[in-house]
Amino acid sequence: MGVVLVTGCSSGIGLESALAFAREGDTTVATMRNLAKADQLRRRAADEDLNLHIEQLDVCDEASVNDTISALVRTHGRLDVLVNNAGVSSSGPIETQSLDVAVRLMDTNFWGPMRTVRAVLPGMREHGSGVIINVSSLASRLPATLYSGMYAASKQALNALSEALAGEVAPFGIRVVLIEPGFFSTEIVANNLSRDEPPSDVYRADQEWIRSFMEGSADAGAEASVVAAAIVAAARNPVTPLHRPVGDDAATYLNLLSQVDGYEGWMEAVMPIIEAAVGPRPAIAEWQP
């Protein structure tokens, strides 16, 4: 049993992960930007009589990150596991997507984990142990999906950061794991920063086509508790690999990627999968390899 901090616990993977660690007897600190969204977590923890600490932490605010982590260490003496789960999505054409939205996305999905990692490393080095689990995405391992370029970029950047970090901190007894879920039933679609942006007239039909596939895949995905179980297992198992895909669809797509040649081969292979789910791609944007 140890001391665990999980970010982004108002719903989905973060909420389920906090509950899963608490069930294991870990001292679990569940954090979120807006504590007004903590009711579901509080209710479920109370229903199971779990000892769960809920704190405010905004990964986009360095002072919030440092203050919360410092207070945690003062109270509990150390931090053994950091789960960087807080994240948002965005969608839209590269040509027209709001740059403000793109910056906010990268601030949460990339710079947020960077802030928390920098805050916890001195203490983990001092104790000669620790686990940093960064919740990435299958999108980090595949060619970027149309109209999700910024989201994929944020997760691919997180993977690059984590790969370098793993080598840097291994001599101090600190492990790094990337959890890479495929499609799961979470709030990631509802947390899309682009949901209120007017669609582009030029790309509208094509974007709606992809949106239907992505939302349908997420709706059909497994529950977030499956990812939470993988996160807890990664924290426990010292031989967990750096890259840990989660979900049957993650395995399927990674296997498909291994069988094709480059981006062109990927597009030729994946387009029939999308069309089988949501129909032919709009002719105005027919892709030519």
Protein backbone atom coordinates (compact mmCIF):
# COMPACT_ATOMS: atom_id res chain seq x y z
CA MET A 1 0.00 0.00 0.00
CA GLY A 2 1.22 3.48 -0.82
CA VAL A 3 0.26 7.10 -1.40
CA VAL A 4 -1.33 7.75 -4.79
CA LEU A 5 -2.29 11.00 -6.55
CA VAL A 6 -4.70 10.85 -9.51
CA THR A 7 -5.57 13.89 -11.63
CA GLY A 8 -8.81 14.45 -13.55
CA CYS A 9 -11.09 12.49 -11.20
CA SER A 10 -14.46 14.12 -11.85
CA SER A 11 -15.47 11.30 -14.22
CA GLY A 12 -14.34 8.42 -16.37
CA ILE A 13 -10.89 6.88 -16.05
CA GLY A 14 -9.72 9.21 -13.29
CA LEU A 15 -12.77 8.58 -11.13
CA GLU A 16 -12.57 4.81 -11.60
CA SER A 17 -8.83 4.80 -10.96
CA ALA A 18 -9.17 6.70 -7.69
CA LEU A 19 -11.82 4.26 -6.49
CA ALA A 20 -9.73 1.27 -7.60
CA PHE A 21 -6.65 2.41 -5.68
CA ALA A 22 -8.74 3.17 -2.59
CA ARG A 23 -10.24 -0.33 -2.72
CA GLU A 24 -6.70 -1.70 -2.62
CA GLY A 25 -6.06 0.19 0.61
CA ASP A 26 -3.80 2.85 -0.86
CA THR A 27 -3.92 6.36 0.57
CA THR A 28 -5.57 7.90 -2.45
CA VAL A 29 -5.74 11.61 -3.26
CA ALA A 30 -8.24 12.23 -6.06
CA THR A 31 -7.90 15.65 -7.66
CA MET A 32 -9.87 17.72 -10.13
CA ARG A 33 -9.95 21.28 -11.38
CA ASN A 34 -13.54 21.96 -10.32
CA LEU A 35 -14.60 20.48 -6.99
CA ALA A 36 -18.24 21.20 -7.86
CA LYS A 37 -17.97 18.08 -10.04
CA ALA A 38 -16.90 15.82 -7.15
CA ASP A 39 -20.40 14.68 -6.11
CA GLN A 40 -20.36 11.41 -8.06
CA LEU A 41 -16.95 10.44 -6.69
CA ARG A 42 -17.93 11.34 -3.14
CA ARG A 43 -21.16 9.35 -3.41
CA ARG A 44 -19.53 6.24 -4.79
CA ALA A 45 -16.70 6.36 -2.24
CA ALA A 46 -19.24 6.72 0.57
CA ASP A 47 -21.32 3.84 -0.79
CA GLU A 48 -18.26 1.59 -0.56
CA ASP A 49 -16.97 3.14 2.67
CA LEU A 50 -13.68 4.02 1.00
CA ASN A 51 -11.11 6.34 2.52
CA LEU A 52 -10.63 8.80 -0.31
CA HIS A 53 -9.18 12.31 -0.13
CA ILE A 54 -10.54 14.76 -2.70
CA GLU A 55 -8.50 17.89 -3.45
CA GLN A 56 -8.56 20.72 -5.97
CA LEU A 57 -5.77 20.68 -8.54
CA ASP A 58 -5.67 22.45 -11.89
CA VAL A 59 -2.92 20.93 -14.04
CA CYS A 60 -2.85 24.13 -16.12
CA ASP A 61 -1.89 26.21 -13.05
CA GLU A 62 1.66 25.67 -11.81
CA ALA A 63 0.92 27.19 -8.40
CA SER A 64 -2.08 24.87 -7.98
CA VAL A 65 0.06 21.85 -8.89
CA ASN A 66 2.93 22.76 -6.58
CA ASP A 67 0.72 23.76 -3.65
CA THR A 68 -1.41 20.60 -3.79
CA ILE A 69 1.55 18.24 -4.12
CA SER A 70 3.50 20.01 -1.37
CA ALA A 71 0.50 19.76 0.96
CA LEU A 72 0.09 16.07 0.10
CA VAL A 73 3.72 15.31 0.98
CA ARG A 74 3.49 17.29 4.24
CA THR A 75 0.37 15.36 5.23
CA HIS A 76 1.28 11.86 4.09
CA GLY A 77 5.08 11.98 4.13
CA ARG A 78 5.65 10.89 0.53
CA LEU A 79 4.06 10.20 -2.84
CA ASP A 80 4.52 6.75 -4.34
CA VAL A 81 2.35 6.86 -7.48
CA LEU A 82 1.36 9.76 -9.74
CA VAL A 83 -1.39 9.10 -12.29
CA ASN A 84 -1.58 11.87 -14.88
CA ASN A 85 -5.09 11.33 -16.20
CA ALA A 86 -6.51 14.85 -16.63
CA GLY A 87 -7.16 15.44 -20.31
CA VAL A 88 -9.43 17.00 -22.90
CA SER A 89 -10.07 16.48 -26.59
CA SER A 90 -10.63 18.72 -29.58
CA SER A 91 -11.58 18.22 -33.19
CA GLY A 92 -11.66 20.19 -36.38
CA PRO A 93 -9.79 20.94 -39.59
CA ILE A 94 -6.22 22.12 -39.18
CA GLU A 95 -7.11 25.06 -41.43
CA THR A 96 -9.93 26.42 -39.28
CA GLN A 97 -9.63 25.05 -35.74
CA SER A 98 -9.30 27.78 -33.13
CA LEU A 99 -5.70 28.36 -32.08
CA ASP A 100 -6.96 29.23 -28.60
CA VAL A 101 -8.53 25.78 -28.37
CA ALA A 102 -5.33 24.15 -29.66
CA VAL A 103 -3.27 25.95 -27.02
CA ARG A 104 -5.71 24.98 -24.23
CA LEU A 105 -5.62 21.36 -25.38
CA MET A 106 -1.82 21.22 -25.31
CA ASP A 107 -1.73 23.01 -21.96
CA THR A 108 -3.89 20.31 -20.38
CA ASN A 109 -2.69 17.18 -22.17
CA PHE A 110 1.03 17.92 -22.40
CA TRP A 111 2.12 20.78 -20.19
CA GLY A 112 -0.18 19.57 -17.39
CA PRO A 113 1.69 16.25 -16.96
CA MET A 114 4.97 18.13 -17.37
CA ARG A 115 4.05 20.33 -14.38
CA THR A 116 3.01 17.46 -12.13
CA VAL A 117 6.03 15.33 -13.04
CA ARG A 118 8.42 18.14 -12.21
CA ALA A 119 6.65 18.68 -8.90
CA VAL A 120 6.82 15.03 -7.74
CA LEU A 121 10.29 14.02 -8.94
CA PRO A 122 12.39 15.59 -6.15
CA GLY A 123 10.50 13.63 -3.50
CA MET A 124 10.55 10.39 -5.48
CA ARG A 125 14.30 10.73 -6.06
CA GLU A 126 14.84 11.35 -2.34
CA HIS A 127 13.01 8.11 -1.49
CA GLY A 128 14.62 6.17 -4.32
CA SER A 129 11.30 4.91 -5.68
CA GLY A 130 8.10 5.95 -7.39
CA VAL A 131 5.83 5.28 -10.33
CA ILE A 132 4.64 7.87 -12.84
CA ILE A 133 1.70 6.70 -14.95
CA ASN A 134 0.77 8.95 -17.86
CA VAL A 135 -2.61 8.23 -19.43
CA SER A 136 -2.02 8.67 -23.13
CA SER A 137 -4.12 7.20 -25.93
CA LEU A 138 -4.04 4.74 -28.78
CA ALA A 139 -3.96 7.96 -30.86
CA SER A 140 -0.36 8.36 -29.71
CA ARG A 141 0.70 5.20 -31.55
CA LEU A 142 -1.22 5.50 -34.83
CA PRO A 143 -1.16 7.93 -37.73
CA ALA A 144 -3.36 10.84 -36.69
CA THR A 145 -7.07 10.53 -37.42
CA LEU A 146 -8.57 13.16 -39.71
CA TYR A 147 -9.87 16.17 -37.78
CA SER A 148 -8.20 14.99 -34.56
CA GLY A 149 -4.72 16.22 -35.42
CA MET A 150 -4.25 18.42 -32.36
CA TYR A 151 -5.44 15.73 -29.95
CA ALA A 152 -3.09 13.19 -31.54
CA ALA A 153 -0.25 15.71 -31.43
CA SER A 154 -0.77 16.28 -27.71
CA LYS A 155 -0.70 12.56 -26.94
CA GLN A 156 2.26 11.86 -29.23
CA ALA A 157 4.13 14.68 -27.48
CA LEU A 158 3.25 13.13 -24.10
CA ASN A 159 4.66 9.81 -25.31
CA ALA A 160 7.92 11.43 -26.40
CA LEU A 161 8.23 13.17 -23.04
CA SER A 162 7.54 9.93 -21.18
CA GLU A 163 10.04 7.93 -23.20
CA ALA A 164 12.83 10.39 -22.43
CA LEU A 165 11.71 10.64 -18.80
CA ALA A 166 11.78 6.85 -18.33
CA GLY A 167 15.47 6.71 -19.17
CA GLU A 168 16.33 9.75 -17.08
CA VAL A 169 14.71 8.58 -13.85
CA ALA A 170 15.30 4.82 -13.99
CA PRO A 171 18.68 5.17 -12.17
CA PHE A 172 16.76 6.66 -9.21
CA GLY A 173 14.39 3.70 -8.92
CA ILE A 174 11.47 5.52 -10.58
CA ARG A 175 9.32 3.81 -13.20
CA VAL A 176 7.30 5.44 -15.99
CA VAL A 177 4.33 3.79 -17.72
CA LEU A 178 2.23 5.04 -20.63
CA ILE A 179 -1.34 3.75 -20.53
CA GLU A 180 -2.71 3.84 -24.10
CA PRO A 181 -6.46 3.11 -24.18
CA GLY A 182 -8.36 2.48 -27.37
CA PHE A 183 -12.03 3.47 -27.51
CA PHE A 184 -13.71 3.49 -24.10
CA SER A 185 -16.99 4.81 -22.82
CA THR A 186 -15.86 7.98 -21.01
CA GLU A 187 -16.61 11.70 -20.92
CA ILE A 188 -13.88 12.52 -23.45
CA VAL A 189 -16.43 13.36 -26.16
CA ALA A 190 -18.36 15.64 -23.79
CA ASN A 191 -15.05 17.28 -22.83
CA ASN A 192 -14.30 18.21 -26.45
CA LEU A 193 -13.07 21.81 -26.41
CA SER A 194 -14.31 22.31 -29.99
CA ARG A 195 -17.94 21.31 -29.35
CA ASP A 196 -19.22 24.90 -29.58
CA GLU A 197 -17.18 25.89 -32.63
CA PRO A 198 -19.23 26.31 -35.83
CA PRO A 199 -18.32 23.63 -38.37
CA SER A 200 -16.38 24.67 -41.44
CA ASP A 201 -18.52 24.79 -44.59
CA VAL A 202 -15.64 23.39 -46.63
CA TYR A 203 -15.00 20.37 -44.41
CA ARG A 204 -18.43 19.94 -42.80
CA ALA A 205 -19.57 16.69 -44.45
CA ASP A 206 -16.20 15.02 -44.10
CA GLN A 207 -15.82 16.08 -40.49
CA GLU A 208 -19.31 14.83 -39.61
CA TRP A 209 -18.45 11.51 -41.23
CA ILE A 210 -15.41 11.03 -39.02
CA ARG A 211 -17.27 12.35 -35.95
CA SER A 212 -19.95 9.69 -36.40
CA PHE A 213 -17.32 6.97 -36.48
CA MET A 214 -15.43 8.29 -33.43
CA GLU A 215 -18.54 8.79 -31.30
CA GLY A 216 -19.98 5.43 -32.31
CA SER A 217 -16.71 3.71 -31.44
CA ALA A 218 -16.58 5.43 -28.05
CA ASP A 219 -20.21 4.55 -27.29
CA ALA A 220 -19.50 0.91 -28.05
CA GLY A 221 -16.31 0.89 -26.00
CA ALA A 222 -15.75 -0.92 -22.73
CA GLU A 223 -16.21 0.77 -19.35
CA ALA A 224 -13.54 3.06 -17.92
CA SER A 225 -13.06 0.61 -15.04
CA VAL A 226 -11.12 -1.64 -17.46
CA VAL A 227 -8.52 1.10 -17.93
CA ALA A 228 -8.50 1.78 -14.18
CA ALA A 229 -7.66 -1.86 -13.54
CA ALA A 230 -4.76 -1.64 -15.98
CA ILE A 231 -3.49 1.49 -14.22
CA VAL A 232 -3.55 -0.18 -10.78
CA ALA A 233 -1.84 -3.26 -12.22
CA ALA A 234 0.87 -1.09 -13.80
CA ALA A 235 1.51 0.61 -10.47
CA ARG A 236 1.92 -2.79 -8.79
CA ASN A 237 3.88 -4.72 -11.43
CA PRO A 238 7.54 -3.64 -11.68
CA VAL A 239 8.00 -5.26 -15.10
CA THR A 240 5.12 -3.39 -16.79
CA PRO A 241 6.46 -2.14 -20.14
CA LEU A 242 6.69 1.57 -20.85
CA HIS A 243 3.94 1.32 -23.49
CA ARG A 244 0.82 -0.41 -22.20
CA PRO A 245 -2.04 -0.46 -24.75
CA VAL A 246 -5.44 -1.21 -23.23
CA GLY A 247 -8.47 -2.65 -25.01
CA ASP A 248 -9.20 -5.19 -27.71
CA ASP A 249 -9.47 -2.47 -30.33
CA ALA A 250 -6.04 -1.10 -29.36
CA ALA A 251 -4.51 -4.50 -30.06
CA THR A 252 -6.42 -4.77 -33.34
CA TYR A 253 -5.32 -1.38 -34.68
CA LEU A 254 -1.69 -1.81 -33.59
CA ASN A 255 -1.61 -5.19 -35.30
CA LEU A 256 -3.05 -3.63 -38.45
CA LEU A 257 -0.43 -0.89 -38.35
CA SER A 258 2.34 -3.48 -38.17
CA GLN A 259 1.11 -5.01 -41.44
CA VAL A 260 1.01 -1.89 -43.61
CA ASP A 261 3.61 0.28 -45.26
CA GLY A 262 3.67 3.90 -44.09
CA TYR A 263 0.87 6.44 -43.94
CA GLU A 264 -0.48 5.58 -47.37
CA GLY A 265 -0.76 1.91 -46.43
CA TRP A 266 -2.47 2.82 -43.18
CA MET A 267 -5.07 4.97 -44.93
CA GLU A 268 -5.79 2.24 -47.46
CA ALA A 269 -6.29 -0.24 -44.63
CA VAL A 270 -8.33 1.89 -42.23
CA MET A 271 -10.72 3.60 -44.64
CA PRO A 272 -12.72 0.39 -45.30
CA ILE A 273 -13.14 -0.04 -41.53
CA ILE A 274 -14.61 3.44 -41.17
CA GLU A 275 -16.82 3.06 -44.22
CA ALA A 276 -18.16 -0.25 -42.96
CA ALA A 277 -19.24 1.51 -39.77
CA VAL A 278 -20.66 4.81 -41.06
CA GLY A 279 -20.91 4.54 -44.84
CA PRO A 280 -18.81 5.89 -47.71
CA ARG A 281 -16.68 8.95 -47.25
CA PRO A 282 -18.32 12.06 -48.74
CA ALA A 283 -17.34 12.34 -52.40
CA ILE A 284 -16.34 16.00 -52.06
CA ALA A 285 -13.38 14.90 -49.99
CA GLU A 286 -12.61 11.53 -51.51
CA TRP A 287 -9.11 10.58 -50.48
CA GLN A 288 -6.62 9.63 -53.15
CA PRO A 289 -3.56 7.65 -52.03
